[in-house]
Amino acid sequence: MRKKTALSACALWAALTLSSCGYSKIGRINADPTRYRNRAVRVEGRVTNSFGLLSTGGYQLEDETGKIFVVSNRGVPSKGTKVMVNGSVMEGVTVMGHSYGTAIQERDHHVRNGY
């Protein structure tokens, strides 16, 4: 009985720990941006559009559930690149005179070889 309880406790701890470090789906962020506003998220996808100047700019990231704009001051990956992004969700951002809905203020990104 004691082993079973300890094993159940370990399984619960592992599930809670591993679920907190997963990826958010872009479609879920876009569907309920208020829930994610000012929260740290991690998303993964392919860059569909990008622009930048002197390590500052933005890019659009797409996964199987949707697209989101990412604002970066750490360099902008090129179109077609697969990336993993850590950042905070912002609602209603204006970039270079164009108004965009929900966006992610990038903390960092990493180029991925595949996912």
Protein backbone atom coordinates (compact mmCIF):
# COMPACT_ATOMS: atom_id res chain seq x y z
CA MET A 1 0.00 0.00 0.00
CA ARG A 2 2.81 2.37 0.91
CA LYS A 3 4.62 1.72 -2.40
CA LYS A 4 1.41 2.34 -4.33
CA THR A 5 0.86 5.69 -2.58
CA ALA A 6 4.46 6.76 -3.18
CA LEU A 7 4.24 5.73 -6.83
CA SER A 8 0.97 7.66 -7.27
CA ALA A 9 2.50 10.75 -5.66
CA CYS A 10 5.54 10.55 -7.97
CA ALA A 11 3.32 10.14 -11.03
CA LEU A 12 1.22 13.15 -10.03
CA TRP A 13 4.32 15.29 -9.43
CA ALA A 14 5.80 14.27 -12.81
CA ALA A 15 2.56 15.04 -14.64
CA LEU A 16 2.27 18.50 -13.07
CA THR A 17 5.93 19.33 -13.67
CA LEU A 18 6.02 18.16 -17.27
CA SER A 19 2.72 19.78 -18.23
CA SER A 20 3.96 23.19 -17.08
CA CYS A 21 6.90 23.18 -19.50
CA GLY A 22 4.96 22.33 -22.67
CA TYR A 23 4.16 24.41 -25.70
CA SER A 24 1.08 26.58 -26.09
CA LYS A 25 -0.86 26.27 -29.32
CA ILE A 26 -1.15 29.54 -31.25
CA GLY A 27 -4.85 28.91 -31.91
CA ARG A 28 -5.56 28.71 -28.17
CA ILE A 29 -3.72 32.00 -27.54
CA ASN A 30 -5.66 33.73 -30.34
CA ALA A 31 -8.97 32.27 -29.17
CA ASP A 32 -8.60 33.62 -25.61
CA PRO A 33 -5.88 36.33 -25.55
CA THR A 34 -7.09 37.77 -22.24
CA ARG A 35 -6.26 34.48 -20.51
CA TYR A 36 -2.66 34.66 -21.78
CA ARG A 37 -2.10 38.45 -21.54
CA ASN A 38 1.24 39.30 -19.88
CA ARG A 39 1.93 35.61 -19.26
CA ALA A 40 5.01 33.73 -20.35
CA VAL A 41 4.35 31.28 -23.17
CA ARG A 42 6.39 28.97 -25.36
CA VAL A 43 5.24 28.40 -28.95
CA GLU A 44 6.76 26.55 -31.86
CA GLY A 45 6.15 26.91 -35.56
CA ARG A 46 7.38 28.06 -38.96
CA VAL A 47 8.11 31.68 -39.86
CA THR A 48 5.74 32.75 -42.65
CA ASN A 49 6.74 36.41 -42.92
CA SER A 50 9.47 38.55 -41.38
CA PHE A 51 10.95 42.02 -41.42
CA GLY A 52 13.69 43.64 -39.43
CA LEU A 53 16.40 46.23 -39.21
CA LEU A 54 19.48 46.10 -36.97
CA SER A 55 18.31 43.11 -34.89
CA THR A 56 14.86 44.62 -34.30
CA GLY A 57 11.65 43.74 -36.08
CA GLY A 58 8.98 41.13 -36.18
CA TYR A 59 7.82 37.96 -37.79
CA GLN A 60 4.68 35.91 -38.19
CA LEU A 61 4.79 32.41 -36.75
CA GLU A 62 2.43 29.61 -37.81
CA ASP A 63 1.65 26.24 -36.28
CA GLU A 64 -1.10 23.78 -37.20
CA THR A 65 -3.67 25.83 -35.22
CA GLY A 66 -3.03 29.40 -36.42
CA LYS A 67 -0.69 32.36 -36.85
CA ILE A 68 0.62 34.98 -34.44
CA PHE A 69 2.91 37.99 -34.77
CA VAL A 70 6.17 37.99 -32.76
CA VAL A 71 7.95 41.27 -31.87
CA SER A 72 11.70 40.81 -31.48
CA ASN A 73 14.75 42.85 -30.51
CA ARG A 74 17.06 39.83 -30.69
CA GLY A 75 17.23 39.29 -34.43
CA VAL A 76 14.57 38.08 -36.83
CA PRO A 77 14.61 34.57 -38.33
CA SER A 78 14.07 34.25 -42.07
CA LYS A 79 10.92 33.09 -43.77
CA GLY A 80 10.55 29.30 -43.70
CA THR A 81 12.65 28.81 -40.56
CA LYS A 82 11.28 26.55 -37.81
CA VAL A 83 11.63 28.24 -34.42
CA MET A 84 10.72 27.84 -30.76
CA VAL A 85 9.81 31.15 -29.09
CA ASN A 86 9.65 32.11 -25.42
CA GLY A 87 7.90 35.38 -24.65
CA SER A 88 4.94 37.24 -23.20
CA VAL A 89 1.55 37.67 -24.85
CA MET A 90 0.41 41.21 -25.68
CA GLU A 91 -2.99 42.27 -26.96
CA GLY A 92 -3.44 44.92 -29.63
CA VAL A 93 0.00 45.99 -30.80
CA THR A 94 0.88 48.61 -33.41
CA VAL A 95 4.10 48.00 -35.34
CA MET A 96 5.39 50.51 -37.89
CA GLY A 97 1.95 52.07 -38.26
CA HIS A 98 0.12 48.77 -38.81
CA SER A 99 -2.26 47.49 -36.18
CA TYR A 100 -2.03 43.82 -35.30
CA GLY A 101 -4.12 41.86 -32.82
CA THR A 102 -2.53 39.53 -30.35
CA ALA A 103 1.26 39.28 -30.43
CA ILE A 104 4.15 37.82 -28.47
CA GLN A 105 6.97 40.01 -27.15
CA GLU A 106 9.89 37.66 -27.64
CA ARG A 107 12.25 36.93 -24.76
CA ASP A 108 14.29 34.54 -26.92
CA HIS A 109 13.97 32.17 -29.83
CA HIS A 110 15.79 29.05 -30.97
CA VAL A 111 16.00 27.69 -34.50
CA ARG A 112 14.69 24.12 -34.67
CA ASN A 113 15.83 21.42 -37.10
CA GLY A 114 12.46 19.73 -37.05
CA TYR A 115 9.41 19.09 -34.98
